[in-house]
Amino acid sequence: MEFFLKVLLAVTSVLLIVAVLLHKGRGGGLSSLFGGGTQSSLAGSSVAEKNLDRITLGLGLVWIICIIGVGLLLKL
């Protein structure tokens, strides 16, 4: 069980990094430094962006559950 959680944690970590990097910059951060902030704030939210938000949220929840599970198993 512990091995499965560690593998799932590693996979979700990589997928979460990729999902976060796929998001458009929404201003105020480093993306606006290179001129991407004004363009992304004027554009509306598309279906693909909403789906990417949902996927990122789901991956984040799975990642948190894996962290808690591994922590509980290591405590025993």
N, C-alpha and C. Protein backbone atom coordinates (compact mmCIF):
# COMPACT_ATOMS: atom_id res chain seq x y z
N MET A 1 0.82 -1.20 0.00
CA MET A 1 0.00 0.00 0.00
C MET A 1 0.87 1.26 0.00
N GLU A 2 1.93 1.23 0.80
CA GLU A 2 2.81 2.39 0.87
C GLU A 2 3.51 2.64 -0.47
N PHE A 3 3.93 1.58 -1.13
CA PHE A 3 4.58 1.70 -2.43
C PHE A 3 3.63 2.31 -3.46
N PHE A 4 2.38 1.83 -3.45
CA PHE A 4 1.37 2.35 -4.38
C PHE A 4 1.15 3.85 -4.16
N LEU A 5 1.06 4.27 -2.89
CA LEU A 5 0.85 5.68 -2.60
C LEU A 5 2.04 6.54 -3.01
N LYS A 6 3.25 6.00 -2.84
CA LYS A 6 4.44 6.75 -3.23
C LYS A 6 4.52 6.90 -4.75
N VAL A 7 4.17 5.85 -5.48
CA VAL A 7 4.17 5.93 -6.95
C VAL A 7 3.09 6.89 -7.41
N LEU A 8 1.90 6.80 -6.82
CA LEU A 8 0.81 7.71 -7.17
C LEU A 8 1.17 9.15 -6.84
N LEU A 9 1.88 9.36 -5.75
CA LEU A 9 2.34 10.69 -5.37
C LEU A 9 3.32 11.25 -6.39
N ALA A 10 4.24 10.42 -6.85
CA ALA A 10 5.22 10.87 -7.85
C ALA A 10 4.54 11.20 -9.17
N VAL A 11 3.61 10.36 -9.59
CA VAL A 11 2.91 10.59 -10.87
C VAL A 11 2.06 11.85 -10.79
N THR A 12 1.30 12.01 -9.70
CA THR A 12 0.46 13.19 -9.58
C THR A 12 1.29 14.46 -9.42
N SER A 13 2.47 14.36 -8.83
CA SER A 13 3.34 15.53 -8.71
C SER A 13 3.78 16.03 -10.08
N VAL A 14 4.20 15.11 -10.93
CA VAL A 14 4.63 15.49 -12.28
C VAL A 14 3.45 16.04 -13.08
N LEU A 15 2.30 15.38 -13.01
CA LEU A 15 1.12 15.84 -13.75
C LEU A 15 0.63 17.19 -13.25
N LEU A 16 0.75 17.43 -11.94
CA LEU A 16 0.34 18.71 -11.38
C LEU A 16 1.25 19.84 -11.84
N ILE A 17 2.54 19.56 -11.92
CA ILE A 17 3.48 20.57 -12.43
C ILE A 17 3.14 20.91 -13.88
N VAL A 18 2.89 19.90 -14.69
CA VAL A 18 2.55 20.13 -16.10
C VAL A 18 1.24 20.91 -16.21
N ALA A 19 0.25 20.54 -15.41
CA ALA A 19 -1.05 21.23 -15.48
C ALA A 19 -0.93 22.69 -15.07
N VAL A 20 -0.14 22.99 -14.05
CA VAL A 20 0.03 24.37 -13.63
C VAL A 20 0.78 25.17 -14.71
N LEU A 21 1.76 24.56 -15.33
CA LEU A 21 2.51 25.26 -16.36
C LEU A 21 1.68 25.50 -17.63
N LEU A 22 0.63 24.72 -17.85
CA LEU A 22 -0.23 24.91 -19.01
C LEU A 22 -1.19 26.09 -18.86
N HIS A 23 -1.41 26.54 -17.63
CA HIS A 23 -2.32 27.66 -17.40
C HIS A 23 -1.76 28.95 -17.98
N LYS A 24 -2.67 29.80 -18.40
CA LYS A 24 -2.28 31.13 -18.87
C LYS A 24 -2.00 32.00 -17.66
N GLY A 25 -1.10 32.95 -17.83
CA GLY A 25 -0.85 33.90 -16.77
C GLY A 25 -2.03 34.84 -16.61
N ARG A 26 -2.39 35.14 -15.38
CA ARG A 26 -3.57 35.99 -15.17
C ARG A 26 -3.18 37.35 -14.61
N GLY A 27 -1.96 37.79 -14.88
CA GLY A 27 -1.56 39.14 -14.52
C GLY A 27 -0.90 39.23 -13.16
N GLY A 28 -0.04 40.20 -13.00
CA GLY A 28 0.57 40.46 -11.72
C GLY A 28 1.83 39.67 -11.45
N GLY A 29 2.05 38.61 -12.16
CA GLY A 29 3.21 37.77 -11.89
C GLY A 29 4.28 37.94 -12.95
N LEU A 30 5.07 36.92 -13.10
CA LEU A 30 6.14 36.97 -14.08
C LEU A 30 5.62 37.00 -15.51
N SER A 31 4.42 36.48 -15.74
CA SER A 31 3.88 36.49 -17.10
C SER A 31 3.61 37.92 -17.58
N SER A 32 3.22 38.81 -16.68
CA SER A 32 2.96 40.18 -17.09
C SER A 32 4.26 40.93 -17.36
N LEU A 33 5.36 40.44 -16.79
CA LEU A 33 6.66 41.06 -17.03
C LEU A 33 7.05 40.97 -18.50
N PHE A 34 6.65 39.89 -19.15
CA PHE A 34 6.99 39.67 -20.56
C PHE A 34 5.86 40.07 -21.50
N GLY A 35 4.86 40.78 -21.01
CA GLY A 35 3.79 41.26 -21.86
C GLY A 35 2.61 40.33 -21.99
N GLY A 36 2.55 39.25 -21.25
CA GLY A 36 1.44 38.32 -21.36
C GLY A 36 0.27 38.67 -20.47
N GLY A 37 0.45 39.57 -19.53
CA GLY A 37 -0.60 39.88 -18.56
C GLY A 37 -1.79 40.61 -19.14
N THR A 38 -1.58 41.58 -20.00
CA THR A 38 -2.69 42.36 -20.52
C THR A 38 -3.52 41.56 -21.50
N GLN A 39 -2.89 40.74 -22.28
CA GLN A 39 -3.60 39.96 -23.29
C GLN A 39 -4.48 38.90 -22.63
N SER A 40 -3.98 38.24 -21.58
CA SER A 40 -4.75 37.16 -20.96
C SER A 40 -5.89 37.70 -20.11
N SER A 41 -5.77 38.93 -19.57
CA SER A 41 -6.85 39.46 -18.76
C SER A 41 -8.03 39.93 -19.63
N LEU A 42 -7.79 40.24 -20.90
CA LEU A 42 -8.85 40.68 -21.79
C LEU A 42 -9.60 39.50 -22.40
N ALA A 43 -8.96 38.37 -22.48
CA ALA A 43 -9.58 37.20 -23.10
C ALA A 43 -10.53 36.53 -22.12
N GLY A 44 -11.62 35.99 -22.64
CA GLY A 44 -12.58 35.29 -21.80
C GLY A 44 -12.10 33.89 -21.47
N SER A 45 -12.77 33.28 -20.53
CA SER A 45 -12.40 31.93 -20.12
C SER A 45 -13.05 30.93 -21.06
N SER A 46 -12.24 30.12 -21.71
CA SER A 46 -12.76 29.16 -22.67
C SER A 46 -13.07 27.83 -21.98
N VAL A 47 -13.67 26.94 -22.71
CA VAL A 47 -14.01 25.62 -22.19
C VAL A 47 -12.74 24.84 -21.85
N ALA A 48 -11.71 24.99 -22.68
CA ALA A 48 -10.46 24.29 -22.41
C ALA A 48 -9.82 24.77 -21.12
N GLU A 49 -9.89 26.07 -20.86
CA GLU A 49 -9.33 26.59 -19.61
C GLU A 49 -10.11 26.11 -18.41
N LYS A 50 -11.44 26.06 -18.54
CA LYS A 50 -12.26 25.56 -17.43
C LYS A 50 -11.96 24.09 -17.15
N ASN A 51 -11.80 23.31 -18.21
CA ASN A 51 -11.47 21.90 -18.03
C ASN A 51 -10.08 21.74 -17.41
N LEU A 52 -9.13 22.58 -17.83
CA LEU A 52 -7.80 22.53 -17.26
C LEU A 52 -7.84 22.90 -15.78
N ASP A 53 -8.70 23.86 -15.41
CA ASP A 53 -8.87 24.22 -14.01
C ASP A 53 -9.39 23.03 -13.20
N ARG A 54 -10.37 22.33 -13.77
CA ARG A 54 -10.94 21.17 -13.07
C ARG A 54 -9.91 20.05 -12.93
N ILE A 55 -9.15 19.81 -13.98
CA ILE A 55 -8.13 18.77 -13.93
C ILE A 55 -7.07 19.12 -12.89
N THR A 56 -6.66 20.38 -12.85
CA THR A 56 -5.65 20.81 -11.90
C THR A 56 -6.17 20.67 -10.47
N LEU A 57 -7.41 21.05 -10.24
CA LEU A 57 -8.00 20.92 -8.92
C LEU A 57 -8.09 19.45 -8.50
N GLY A 58 -8.52 18.60 -9.42
CA GLY A 58 -8.60 17.16 -9.12
C GLY A 58 -7.24 16.56 -8.81
N LEU A 59 -6.24 16.92 -9.60
CA LEU A 59 -4.88 16.43 -9.34
C LEU A 59 -4.37 16.92 -7.99
N GLY A 60 -4.70 18.17 -7.67
CA GLY A 60 -4.28 18.71 -6.38
C GLY A 60 -4.91 17.96 -5.22
N LEU A 61 -6.19 17.61 -5.35
CA LEU A 61 -6.86 16.85 -4.29
C LEU A 61 -6.26 15.46 -4.14
N VAL A 62 -5.99 14.80 -5.26
CA VAL A 62 -5.37 13.46 -5.20
C VAL A 62 -3.98 13.56 -4.57
N TRP A 63 -3.24 14.62 -4.91
CA TRP A 63 -1.90 14.83 -4.37
C TRP A 63 -1.96 15.02 -2.85
N ILE A 64 -2.91 15.82 -2.38
CA ILE A 64 -3.05 16.05 -0.93
C ILE A 64 -3.43 14.77 -0.21
N ILE A 65 -4.33 14.00 -0.79
CA ILE A 65 -4.74 12.73 -0.18
C ILE A 65 -3.56 11.77 -0.10
N CYS A 66 -2.73 11.74 -1.16
CA CYS A 66 -1.54 10.88 -1.15
C CYS A 66 -0.55 11.32 -0.07
N ILE A 67 -0.36 12.63 0.07
CA ILE A 67 0.54 13.15 1.10
C ILE A 67 0.08 12.72 2.49
N ILE A 68 -1.22 12.88 2.75
CA ILE A 68 -1.77 12.49 4.05
C ILE A 68 -1.64 10.99 4.26
N GLY A 69 -1.94 10.21 3.22
CA GLY A 69 -1.84 8.76 3.33
C GLY A 69 -0.43 8.27 3.61
N VAL A 70 0.55 8.81 2.90
CA VAL A 70 1.94 8.43 3.11
C VAL A 70 2.39 8.85 4.51
N GLY A 71 1.97 10.03 4.93
CA GLY A 71 2.31 10.50 6.27
C GLY A 71 1.74 9.60 7.36
N LEU A 72 0.50 9.18 7.18
CA LEU A 72 -0.12 8.29 8.16
C LEU A 72 0.53 6.92 8.17
N LEU A 73 0.89 6.40 7.00
CA LEU A 73 1.53 5.09 6.94
C LEU A 73 2.95 5.13 7.52
N LEU A 74 3.66 6.22 7.34
CA LEU A 74 5.01 6.32 7.89
C LEU A 74 4.97 6.53 9.39
N LYS A 75 3.89 7.09 9.90
CA LYS A 75 3.76 7.33 11.34
C LYS A 75 3.57 6.01 12.09
N LEU A 76 2.94 5.04 11.43
CA LEU A 76 2.67 3.74 12.06
C LEU A 76 3.92 2.98 12.17
